[in-house]
């Protein structure tokens, strides 16, 4: 869920969204651009169980990160850092170790 929320970050922080009325904000929130659709697809693929989808999503995520890092502003760079953390966390989920007390 955090990945999808971060994917929509550029939309929520655009000047058109910030200066719009409620109706226009809802229209903007329901619309999507190619970058947003691609990032949401990466989020869904990274949470799937197929290894080929995950591998493909990792490479797409790296391409999107390069584009996001080239944008100006500190906020855009912080957003790219958050996306990178989400992508690595979803790509390599931590292994949960079973403790002896939980082995019933």
PDB file of N, CA and C in Angstrom:
ATOM      1  N   UNK A   1       0.819  -1.191   0.000  1.00  0.00           N
ATOM      2  CA  UNK A   1       0.000   0.000   0.000  1.00  0.00           C
ATOM      3  C   UNK A   1       0.864   1.257   0.000  1.00  0.00           C
ATOM      4  N   UNK A   2       1.998   1.199   0.705  1.00  0.00           N
ATOM      5  CA  UNK A   2       2.892   2.348   0.749  1.00  0.00           C
ATOM      6  C   UNK A   2       3.454   2.633  -0.644  1.00  0.00           C
ATOM      7  N   UNK A   3       3.705   1.594  -1.412  1.00  0.00           N
ATOM      8  CA  UNK A   3       4.248   1.768  -2.754  1.00  0.00           C
ATOM      9  C   UNK A   3       3.249   2.510  -3.645  1.00  0.00           C
ATOM     10  N   UNK A   4       2.004   2.123  -3.597  1.00  0.00           N
ATOM     11  CA  UNK A   4       0.974   2.790  -4.409  1.00  0.00           C
ATOM     12  C   UNK A   4       0.826   4.249  -3.976  1.00  0.00           C
ATOM     13  N   UNK A   5       0.886   4.499  -2.675  1.00  0.00           N
ATOM     14  CA  UNK A   5       0.778   5.869  -2.160  1.00  0.00           C
ATOM     15  C   UNK A   5       1.950   6.711  -2.650  1.00  0.00           C
ATOM     16  N   UNK A   6       3.151   6.159  -2.624  1.00  0.00           N
ATOM     17  CA  UNK A   6       4.326   6.893  -3.110  1.00  0.00           C
ATOM     18  C   UNK A   6       4.268   7.087  -4.618  1.00  0.00           C
ATOM     19  N   UNK A   7       3.652   6.155  -5.326  1.00  0.00           N
ATOM     20  CA  UNK A   7       3.539   6.298  -6.780  1.00  0.00           C
ATOM     21  C   UNK A   7       2.706   7.523  -7.143  1.00  0.00           C
ATOM     22  N   UNK A   8       1.738   7.874  -6.296  1.00  0.00           N
ATOM     23  CA  UNK A   8       0.874   9.026  -6.563  1.00  0.00           C
ATOM     24  C   UNK A   8       1.450  10.339  -6.035  1.00  0.00           C
ATOM     25  N   UNK A   9       2.619  10.318  -5.434  1.00  0.00           N
ATOM     26  CA  UNK A   9       3.205  11.516  -4.836  1.00  0.00           C
ATOM     27  C   UNK A   9       3.350  12.674  -5.825  1.00  0.00           C
ATOM     28  N   UNK A  10       3.879  12.452  -7.051  1.00  0.00           N
ATOM     29  CA  UNK A  10       4.021  13.606  -7.960  1.00  0.00           C
ATOM     30  C   UNK A  10       2.696  14.275  -8.291  1.00  0.00           C
ATOM     31  N   UNK A  11       1.636  13.501  -8.351  1.00  0.00           N
ATOM     32  CA  UNK A  11       0.323  14.070  -8.639  1.00  0.00           C
ATOM     33  C   UNK A  11      -0.139  14.973  -7.503  1.00  0.00           C
ATOM     34  N   UNK A  12      -0.030  14.487  -6.265  1.00  0.00           N
ATOM     35  CA  UNK A  12      -0.501  15.256  -5.111  1.00  0.00           C
ATOM     36  C   UNK A  12       0.331  16.510  -4.862  1.00  0.00           C
ATOM     37  N   UNK A  13       1.564  16.535  -5.341  1.00  0.00           N
ATOM     38  CA  UNK A  13       2.423  17.688  -5.092  1.00  0.00           C
ATOM     39  C   UNK A  13       2.591  18.582  -6.314  1.00  0.00           C
ATOM     40  N   UNK A  14       1.769  18.372  -7.332  1.00  0.00           N
ATOM     41  CA  UNK A  14       1.839  19.238  -8.504  1.00  0.00           C
ATOM     42  C   UNK A  14       1.156  20.567  -8.200  1.00  0.00           C
ATOM     43  N   UNK A  15       1.555  21.602  -8.920  1.00  0.00           N
ATOM     44  CA  UNK A  15       0.960  22.920  -8.678  1.00  0.00           C
ATOM     45  C   UNK A  15      -0.512  22.935  -9.085  1.00  0.00           C
ATOM     46  N   UNK A  16      -0.877  22.152 -10.103  1.00  0.00           N
ATOM     47  CA  UNK A  16      -2.282  22.097 -10.521  1.00  0.00           C
ATOM     48  C   UNK A  16      -3.148  21.508  -9.414  1.00  0.00           C
ATOM     49  N   UNK A  17      -2.639  20.507  -8.722  1.00  0.00           N
ATOM     50  CA  UNK A  17      -3.407  19.868  -7.652  1.00  0.00           C
ATOM     51  C   UNK A  17      -3.512  20.784  -6.438  1.00  0.00           C
ATOM     52  N   UNK A  18      -2.411  21.442  -6.098  1.00  0.00           N
ATOM     53  CA  UNK A  18      -2.403  22.292  -4.903  1.00  0.00           C
ATOM     54  C   UNK A  18      -3.321  23.501  -5.038  1.00  0.00           C
ATOM     55  N   UNK A  19      -3.445  24.042  -6.243  1.00  0.00           N
ATOM     56  CA  UNK A  19      -4.248  25.257  -6.412  1.00  0.00           C
ATOM     57  C   UNK A  19      -5.668  24.973  -6.901  1.00  0.00           C
ATOM     58  N   UNK A  20      -6.046  23.710  -6.989  1.00  0.00           N
ATOM     59  CA  UNK A  20      -7.357  23.357  -7.544  1.00  0.00           C
ATOM     60  C   UNK A  20      -8.439  23.331  -6.471  1.00  0.00           C
ATOM     61  N   UNK A  21      -9.688  23.400  -6.946  1.00  0.00           N
ATOM     62  CA  UNK A  21     -10.809  23.242  -6.024  1.00  0.00           C
ATOM     63  C   UNK A  21     -11.046  21.742  -5.790  1.00  0.00           C
ATOM     64  N   UNK A  22     -12.005  21.411  -4.955  1.00  0.00           N
ATOM     65  CA  UNK A  22     -12.231  20.026  -4.532  1.00  0.00           C
ATOM     66  C   UNK A  22     -12.574  19.129  -5.717  1.00  0.00           C
ATOM     67  N   UNK A  23     -13.445  19.596  -6.603  1.00  0.00           N
ATOM     68  CA  UNK A  23     -13.858  18.782  -7.745  1.00  0.00           C
ATOM     69  C   UNK A  23     -12.675  18.488  -8.665  1.00  0.00           C
ATOM     70  N   UNK A  24     -11.877  19.500  -8.942  1.00  0.00           N
ATOM     71  CA  UNK A  24     -10.722  19.312  -9.812  1.00  0.00           C
ATOM     72  C   UNK A  24      -9.689  18.405  -9.160  1.00  0.00           C
ATOM     73  N   UNK A  25      -9.515  18.520  -7.847  1.00  0.00           N
ATOM     74  CA  UNK A  25      -8.583  17.633  -7.149  1.00  0.00           C
ATOM     75  C   UNK A  25      -9.006  16.176  -7.289  1.00  0.00           C
ATOM     76  N   UNK A  26     -10.309  15.932  -7.172  1.00  0.00           N
ATOM     77  CA  UNK A  26     -10.799  14.554  -7.324  1.00  0.00           C
ATOM     78  C   UNK A  26     -10.590  14.058  -8.748  1.00  0.00           C
ATOM     79  N   UNK A  27     -10.810  14.929  -9.725  1.00  0.00           N
ATOM     80  CA  UNK A  27     -10.581  14.540 -11.113  1.00  0.00           C
ATOM     81  C   UNK A  27      -9.105  14.222 -11.342  1.00  0.00           C
ATOM     82  N   UNK A  28      -8.230  15.057 -10.802  1.00  0.00           N
ATOM     83  CA  UNK A  28      -6.796  14.812 -10.947  1.00  0.00           C
ATOM     84  C   UNK A  28      -6.377  13.533 -10.235  1.00  0.00           C
ATOM     85  N   UNK A  29      -6.940  13.296  -9.067  1.00  0.00           N
ATOM     86  CA  UNK A  29      -6.586  12.094  -8.314  1.00  0.00           C
ATOM     87  C   UNK A  29      -7.042  10.833  -9.031  1.00  0.00           C
ATOM     88  N   UNK A  30      -8.145  10.907  -9.760  1.00  0.00           N
ATOM     89  CA  UNK A  30      -8.639   9.742 -10.487  1.00  0.00           C
ATOM     90  C   UNK A  30      -7.996   9.573 -11.854  1.00  0.00           C
ATOM     91  N   UNK A  31      -7.341  10.611 -12.349  1.00  0.00           N
ATOM     92  CA  UNK A  31      -6.653  10.488 -13.629  1.00  0.00           C
ATOM     93  C   UNK A  31      -5.247   9.958 -13.381  1.00  0.00           C
ATOM     94  N   UNK A  32      -4.621   9.507 -14.428  1.00  0.00           N
ATOM     95  CA  UNK A  32      -3.249   9.029 -14.260  1.00  0.00           C
ATOM     96  C   UNK A  32      -2.457   9.348 -15.519  1.00  0.00           C
ATOM     97  N   UNK A  33      -1.165   9.453 -15.361  1.00  0.00           N
ATOM     98  CA  UNK A  33      -0.277   9.675 -16.486  1.00  0.00           C
ATOM     99  C   UNK A  33       0.559   8.412 -16.695  1.00  0.00           C
ATOM    100  N   UNK A  34       1.311   8.327 -17.773  1.00  0.00           N
ATOM    101  CA  UNK A  34       2.080   7.098 -18.032  1.00  0.00           C
ATOM    102  C   UNK A  34       3.059   6.740 -16.915  1.00  0.00           C
ATOM    103  N   UNK A  35       3.695   7.742 -16.324  1.00  0.00           N
ATOM    104  CA  UNK A  35       4.651   7.459 -15.246  1.00  0.00           C
ATOM    105  C   UNK A  35       3.943   6.861 -14.030  1.00  0.00           C
ATOM    106  N   UNK A  36       2.793   7.405 -13.704  1.00  0.00           N
ATOM    107  CA  UNK A  36       2.020   6.902 -12.568  1.00  0.00           C
ATOM    108  C   UNK A  36       1.556   5.467 -12.812  1.00  0.00           C
ATOM    109  N   UNK A  37       1.041   5.205 -14.015  1.00  0.00           N
ATOM    110  CA  UNK A  37       0.594   3.843 -14.340  1.00  0.00           C
ATOM    111  C   UNK A  37       1.760   2.861 -14.302  1.00  0.00           C
ATOM    112  N   UNK A  38       2.912   3.286 -14.805  1.00  0.00           N
ATOM    113  CA  UNK A  38       4.088   2.409 -14.813  1.00  0.00           C
ATOM    114  C   UNK A  38       4.544   2.096 -13.389  1.00  0.00           C
ATOM    115  N   UNK A  39       4.554   3.110 -12.535  1.00  0.00           N
ATOM    116  CA  UNK A  39       4.989   2.900 -11.150  1.00  0.00           C
ATOM    117  C   UNK A  39       4.000   2.025 -10.393  1.00  0.00           C
ATOM    118  N   UNK A  40       2.718   2.196 -10.624  1.00  0.00           N
ATOM    119  CA  UNK A  40       1.732   1.339  -9.974  1.00  0.00           C
ATOM    120  C   UNK A  40       1.858  -0.098 -10.467  1.00  0.00           C
ATOM    121  N   UNK A  41       2.177  -0.269 -11.744  1.00  0.00           N
ATOM    122  CA  UNK A  41       2.421  -1.610 -12.271  1.00  0.00           C
ATOM    123  C   UNK A  41       3.625  -2.255 -11.620  1.00  0.00           C
ATOM    124  N   UNK A  42       4.662  -1.457 -11.370  1.00  0.00           N
ATOM    125  CA  UNK A  42       5.854  -1.963 -10.674  1.00  0.00           C
ATOM    126  C   UNK A  42       5.482  -2.402  -9.263  1.00  0.00           C
ATOM    127  N   UNK A  43       4.681  -1.611  -8.585  1.00  0.00           N
ATOM    128  CA  UNK A  43       4.261  -1.966  -7.220  1.00  0.00           C
ATOM    129  C   UNK A  43       3.503  -3.288  -7.206  1.00  0.00           C
ATOM    130  N   UNK A  44       2.610  -3.453  -8.152  1.00  0.00           N
ATOM    131  CA  UNK A  44       1.840  -4.703  -8.202  1.00  0.00           C
ATOM    132  C   UNK A  44       2.728  -5.890  -8.560  1.00  0.00           C
ATOM    133  N   UNK A  45       3.658  -5.689  -9.489  1.00  0.00           N
ATOM    134  CA  UNK A  45       4.540  -6.780  -9.906  1.00  0.00           C
ATOM    135  C   UNK A  45       5.506  -7.164  -8.793  1.00  0.00           C
ATOM    136  N   UNK A  46       5.980  -6.183  -8.035  1.00  0.00           N
ATOM    137  CA  UNK A  46       6.911  -6.489  -6.949  1.00  0.00           C
ATOM    138  C   UNK A  46       6.234  -7.257  -5.827  1.00  0.00           C
ATOM    139  N   UNK A  47       4.936  -7.076  -5.678  1.00  0.00           N
ATOM    140  CA  UNK A  47       4.240  -7.809  -4.625  1.00  0.00           C
ATOM    141  C   UNK A  47       3.698  -9.156  -5.114  1.00  0.00           C
ATOM    142  N   UNK A  48       3.917  -9.486  -6.386  1.00  0.00           N
ATOM    143  CA  UNK A  48       3.452 -10.779  -6.898  1.00  0.00           C
ATOM    144  C   UNK A  48       4.442 -11.874  -6.504  1.00  0.00           C
ATOM    145  N   UNK A  49       4.109 -13.099  -6.821  1.00  0.00           N
ATOM    146  CA  UNK A  49       4.961 -14.222  -6.430  1.00  0.00           C
ATOM    147  C   UNK A  49       5.854 -14.705  -7.561  1.00  0.00           C
ATOM    148  N   UNK A  50       5.622 -14.274  -8.770  1.00  0.00           N
ATOM    149  CA  UNK A  50       6.396 -14.732  -9.915  1.00  0.00           C
ATOM    150  C   UNK A  50       7.779 -14.076  -9.938  1.00  0.00           C
ATOM    151  N   UNK A  51       8.818 -14.895 -10.084  1.00  0.00           N
ATOM    152  CA  UNK A  51      10.183 -14.362 -10.114  1.00  0.00           C
ATOM    153  C   UNK A  51      10.448 -13.548 -11.373  1.00  0.00           C
ATOM    154  N   UNK A  52       9.890 -13.953 -12.504  1.00  0.00           N
ATOM    155  CA  UNK A  52      10.125 -13.201 -13.739  1.00  0.00           C
ATOM    156  C   UNK A  52       9.487 -11.819 -13.663  1.00  0.00           C
ATOM    157  N   UNK A  53       8.287 -11.740 -13.082  1.00  0.00           N
ATOM    158  CA  UNK A  53       7.639 -10.433 -12.920  1.00  0.00           C
ATOM    159  C   UNK A  53       8.440  -9.544 -11.983  1.00  0.00           C
ATOM    160  N   UNK A  54       8.962 -10.123 -10.908  1.00  0.00           N
ATOM    161  CA  UNK A  54       9.755  -9.336  -9.958  1.00  0.00           C
ATOM    162  C   UNK A  54      11.031  -8.822 -10.616  1.00  0.00           C
ATOM    163  N   UNK A  55      11.688  -9.675 -11.399  1.00  0.00           N
ATOM    164  CA  UNK A  55      12.925  -9.273 -12.065  1.00  0.00           C
ATOM    165  C   UNK A  55      12.655  -8.132 -13.037  1.00  0.00           C
ATOM    166  N   UNK A  56      11.583  -8.255 -13.799  1.00  0.00           N
ATOM    167  CA  UNK A  56      11.208  -7.213 -14.744  1.00  0.00           C
ATOM    168  C   UNK A  56      10.837  -5.918 -14.010  1.00  0.00           C
ATOM    169  N   UNK A  57      10.144  -6.052 -12.907  1.00  0.00           N
ATOM    170  CA  UNK A  57       9.736  -4.876 -12.133  1.00  0.00           C
ATOM    171  C   UNK A  57      10.939  -4.169 -11.524  1.00  0.00           C
ATOM    172  N   UNK A  58      11.948  -4.930 -11.098  1.00  0.00           N
ATOM    173  CA  UNK A  58      13.156  -4.299 -10.546  1.00  0.00           C
ATOM    174  C   UNK A  58      13.841  -3.431 -11.588  1.00  0.00           C
ATOM    175  N   UNK A  59      13.959  -3.935 -12.822  1.00  0.00           N
ATOM    176  CA  UNK A  59      14.616  -3.137 -13.863  1.00  0.00           C
ATOM    177  C   UNK A  59      13.778  -1.908 -14.215  1.00  0.00           C
ATOM    178  N   UNK A  60      12.466  -2.062 -14.266  1.00  0.00           N
ATOM    179  CA  UNK A  60      11.594  -0.914 -14.532  1.00  0.00           C
ATOM    180  C   UNK A  60      11.692   0.105 -13.406  1.00  0.00           C
ATOM    181  N   UNK A  61      11.788  -0.382 -12.183  1.00  0.00           N
ATOM    182  CA  UNK A  61      11.909   0.510 -11.032  1.00  0.00           C
ATOM    183  C   UNK A  61      13.204   1.316 -11.119  1.00  0.00           C
ATOM    184  N   UNK A  62      14.288   0.677 -11.529  1.00  0.00           N
ATOM    185  CA  UNK A  62      15.560   1.391 -11.666  1.00  0.00           C
ATOM    186  C   UNK A  62      15.473   2.471 -12.744  1.00  0.00           C
ATOM    187  N   UNK A  63      14.789   2.168 -13.854  1.00  0.00           N
ATOM    188  CA  UNK A  63      14.609   3.171 -14.909  1.00  0.00           C
ATOM    189  C   UNK A  63      13.800   4.364 -14.395  1.00  0.00           C
ATOM    190  N   UNK A  64      12.733   4.080 -13.672  1.00  0.00           N
ATOM    191  CA  UNK A  64      11.905   5.160 -13.123  1.00  0.00           C
ATOM    192  C   UNK A  64      12.673   5.991 -12.105  1.00  0.00           C
ATOM    193  N   UNK A  65      13.520   5.335 -11.323  1.00  0.00           N
ATOM    194  CA  UNK A  65      14.314   6.070 -10.337  1.00  0.00           C
ATOM    195  C   UNK A  65      15.277   7.034 -11.007  1.00  0.00           C
ATOM    196  N   UNK A  66      15.873   6.619 -12.122  1.00  0.00           N
ATOM    197  CA  UNK A  66      16.773   7.524 -12.842  1.00  0.00           C
ATOM    198  C   UNK A  66      16.025   8.773 -13.301  1.00  0.00           C
ATOM    199  N   UNK A  67      14.825   8.595 -13.818  1.00  0.00           N
ATOM    200  CA  UNK A  67      14.022   9.736 -14.268  1.00  0.00           C
ATOM    201  C   UNK A  67      13.656  10.626 -13.087  1.00  0.00           C
ATOM    202  N   UNK A  68      13.247  10.010 -11.981  1.00  0.00           N
ATOM    203  CA  UNK A  68      12.829  10.782 -10.810  1.00  0.00           C
ATOM    204  C   UNK A  68      14.002  11.550 -10.198  1.00  0.00           C
ATOM    205  N   UNK A  69      15.197  10.974 -10.227  1.00  0.00           N
ATOM    206  CA  UNK A  69      16.364  11.652  -9.646  1.00  0.00           C
ATOM    207  C   UNK A  69      16.814  12.844 -10.479  1.00  0.00           C
ATOM    208  N   UNK A  70      16.507  12.846 -11.772  1.00  0.00           N
ATOM    209  CA  UNK A  70      16.918  13.958 -12.634  1.00  0.00           C
ATOM    210  C   UNK A  70      16.045  15.189 -12.443  1.00  0.00           C
ATOM    211  N   UNK A  71      14.896  15.017 -11.831  1.00  0.00           N
ATOM    212  CA  UNK A  71      14.021  16.162 -11.593  1.00  0.00           C
ATOM    213  C   UNK A  71      14.637  17.073 -10.547  1.00  0.00           C
ATOM    214  N   UNK A  72      14.339  18.330 -10.672  1.00  0.00           N
ATOM    215  CA  UNK A  72      14.896  19.288  -9.739  1.00  0.00           C
ATOM    216  C   UNK A  72      14.155  19.318  -8.419  1.00  0.00           C
ATOM    217  N   UNK A  73      14.827  19.861  -7.433  1.00  0.00           N
ATOM    218  CA  UNK A  73      14.195  20.059  -6.135  1.00  0.00           C
ATOM    219  C   UNK A  73      14.514  18.977  -5.131  1.00  0.00           C
ATOM    220  N   UNK A  74      14.579  19.407  -3.885  1.00  0.00           N
ATOM    221  CA  UNK A  74      14.866  18.471  -2.800  1.00  0.00           C
ATOM    222  C   UNK A  74      13.721  17.498  -2.576  1.00  0.00           C
ATOM    223  N   UNK A  75      12.486  17.975  -2.748  1.00  0.00           N
ATOM    224  CA  UNK A  75      11.333  17.099  -2.544  1.00  0.00           C
ATOM    225  C   UNK A  75      11.336  15.941  -3.531  1.00  0.00           C
ATOM    226  N   UNK A  76      11.691  16.215  -4.782  1.00  0.00           N
ATOM    227  CA  UNK A  76      11.726  15.155  -5.797  1.00  0.00           C
ATOM    228  C   UNK A  76      12.811  14.136  -5.469  1.00  0.00           C
ATOM    229  N   UNK A  77      13.945  14.606  -4.968  1.00  0.00           N
ATOM    230  CA  UNK A  77      15.019  13.670  -4.595  1.00  0.00           C
ATOM    231  C   UNK A  77      14.616  12.825  -3.388  1.00  0.00           C
ATOM    232  N   UNK A  78      13.948  13.431  -2.423  1.00  0.00           N
ATOM    233  CA  UNK A  78      13.468  12.667  -1.271  1.00  0.00           C
ATOM    234  C   UNK A  78      12.424  11.635  -1.696  1.00  0.00           C
ATOM    235  N   UNK A  79      11.573  12.016  -2.637  1.00  0.00           N
ATOM    236  CA  UNK A  79      10.581  11.076  -3.171  1.00  0.00           C
ATOM    237  C   UNK A  79      11.284   9.899  -3.852  1.00  0.00           C
ATOM    238  N   UNK A  80      12.324  10.182  -4.627  1.00  0.00           N
ATOM    239  CA  UNK A  80      13.075   9.111  -5.292  1.00  0.00           C
ATOM    240  C   UNK A  80      13.724   8.186  -4.265  1.00  0.00           C
ATOM    241  N   UNK A  81      14.231   8.748  -3.178  1.00  0.00           N
ATOM    242  CA  UNK A  81      14.820   7.911  -2.123  1.00  0.00           C
ATOM    243  C   UNK A  81      13.772   7.008  -1.483  1.00  0.00           C
ATOM    244  N   UNK A  82      12.568   7.540  -1.257  1.00  0.00           N
ATOM    245  CA  UNK A  82      11.499   6.720  -0.677  1.00  0.00           C
ATOM    246  C   UNK A  82      11.077   5.612  -1.634  1.00  0.00           C
ATOM    247  N   UNK A  83      10.990   5.933  -2.918  1.00  0.00           N
ATOM    248  CA  UNK A  83      10.632   4.919  -3.919  1.00  0.00           C
ATOM    249  C   UNK A  83      11.701   3.835  -3.963  1.00  0.00           C
ATOM    250  N   UNK A  84      12.959   4.234  -3.875  1.00  0.00           N
ATOM    251  CA  UNK A  84      14.047   3.251  -3.897  1.00  0.00           C
ATOM    252  C   UNK A  84      13.948   2.312  -2.696  1.00  0.00           C
ATOM    253  N   UNK A  85      13.668   2.857  -1.525  1.00  0.00           N
ATOM    254  CA  UNK A  85      13.514   2.005  -0.330  1.00  0.00           C
ATOM    255  C   UNK A  85      12.341   1.049  -0.475  1.00  0.00           C
ATOM    256  N   UNK A  86      11.240   1.542  -1.017  1.00  0.00           N
ATOM    257  CA  UNK A  86      10.066   0.689  -1.202  1.00  0.00           C
ATOM    258  C   UNK A  86      10.367  -0.419  -2.200  1.00  0.00           C
ATOM    259  N   UNK A  87      11.023  -0.072  -3.298  1.00  0.00           N
ATOM    260  CA  UNK A  87      11.330  -1.079  -4.321  1.00  0.00           C
ATOM    261  C   UNK A  87      12.272  -2.151  -3.788  1.00  0.00           C
ATOM    262  N   UNK A  88      13.287  -1.750  -3.027  1.00  0.00           N
ATOM    263  CA  UNK A  88      14.202  -2.760  -2.493  1.00  0.00           C
ATOM    264  C   UNK A  88      13.527  -3.599  -1.420  1.00  0.00           C
ATOM    265  N   UNK A  89      12.658  -2.988  -0.637  1.00  0.00           N
ATOM    266  CA  UNK A  89      11.962  -3.752   0.406  1.00  0.00           C
ATOM    267  C   UNK A  89      10.993  -4.755  -0.201  1.00  0.00           C
ATOM    268  N   UNK A  90      10.299  -4.358  -1.261  1.00  0.00           N
ATOM    269  CA  UNK A  90       9.360  -5.275  -1.893  1.00  0.00           C
ATOM    270  C   UNK A  90      10.072  -6.325  -2.735  1.00  0.00           C
ATOM    271  N   UNK A  91      11.225  -5.964  -3.285  1.00  0.00           N
ATOM    272  CA  UNK A  91      11.953  -6.924  -4.111  1.00  0.00           C
ATOM    273  C   UNK A  91      12.605  -8.008  -3.263  1.00  0.00           C
ATOM    274  N   UNK A  92      13.109  -7.643  -2.106  1.00  0.00           N
ATOM    275  CA  UNK A  92      13.773  -8.593  -1.216  1.00  0.00           C
ATOM    276  C   UNK A  92      13.116  -8.551   0.154  1.00  0.00           C
ATOM    277  N   UNK A  93      11.985  -9.228   0.333  1.00  0.00           N
ATOM    278  CA  UNK A  93      11.331  -9.189   1.642  1.00  0.00           C
ATOM    279  C   UNK A  93      12.195  -9.870   2.694  1.00  0.00           C
ATOM    280  N   UNK A  94      12.224  -9.340   3.898  1.00  0.00           N
ATOM    281  CA  UNK A  94      13.053  -9.946   4.943  1.00  0.00           C
ATOM    282  C   UNK A  94      12.516 -11.321   5.324  1.00  0.00           C
ATOM    283  N   UNK A  95      13.440 -12.219   5.572  1.00  0.00           N
ATOM    284  CA  UNK A  95      13.032 -13.558   5.975  1.00  0.00           C
ATOM    285  C   UNK A  95      12.662 -13.529   7.453  1.00  0.00           C
ATOM    286  N   UNK A  96      11.553 -14.143   7.766  1.00  0.00           N
ATOM    287  CA  UNK A  96      11.146 -14.200   9.164  1.00  0.00           C
ATOM    288  C   UNK A  96      11.690 -15.483   9.763  1.00  0.00           C
ATOM    289  N   UNK A  97      12.394 -15.345  10.831  1.00  0.00           N
ATOM    290  CA  UNK A  97      12.978 -16.500  11.495  1.00  0.00           C
ATOM    291  C   UNK A  97      12.002 -17.024  12.531  1.00  0.00           C
ATOM    292  N   UNK A  98      11.831 -18.304  12.523  1.00  0.00           N
ATOM    293  CA  UNK A  98      10.953 -18.931  13.513  1.00  0.00           C
ATOM    294  C   UNK A  98      11.716 -19.081  14.819  1.00  0.00           C
ATOM    295  N   UNK A  99      11.134 -18.626  15.881  1.00  0.00           N
ATOM    296  CA  UNK A  99      11.746 -18.804  17.193  1.00  0.00           C
ATOM    297  C   UNK A  99      11.250 -20.115  17.783  1.00  0.00           C
ATOM    298  N   UNK A 100      12.020 -20.658  18.690  1.00  0.00           N
ATOM    299  CA  UNK A 100      11.678 -21.963  19.248  1.00  0.00           C
ATOM    300  C   UNK A 100      10.317 -21.959  19.926  1.00  0.00           C
ATOM    301  N   UNK A 101       9.934 -20.869  20.528  1.00  0.00           N
ATOM    302  CA  UNK A 101       8.653 -20.798  21.208  1.00  0.00           C
ATOM    303  C   UNK A 101       7.469 -20.814  20.253  1.00  0.00           C
ATOM    304  N   UNK A 102       7.710 -20.485  18.977  1.00  0.00           N
ATOM    305  CA  UNK A 102       6.628 -20.430  17.999  1.00  0.00           C
ATOM    306  C   UNK A 102       6.475 -21.715  17.199  1.00  0.00           C
ATOM    307  N   UNK A 103       7.242 -22.730  17.499  1.00  0.00           N
ATOM    308  CA  UNK A 103       7.232 -23.952  16.696  1.00  0.00           C
ATOM    309  C   UNK A 103       6.241 -24.992  17.192  1.00  0.00           C
ATOM    310  N   UNK A 104       5.151 -24.638  17.699  1.00  0.00           N
ATOM    311  CA  UNK A 104       4.181 -25.603  18.230  1.00  0.00           C
ATOM    312  C   UNK A 104       3.491 -26.353  17.162  1.00  0.00           C
TER     313      UNK A 104
END
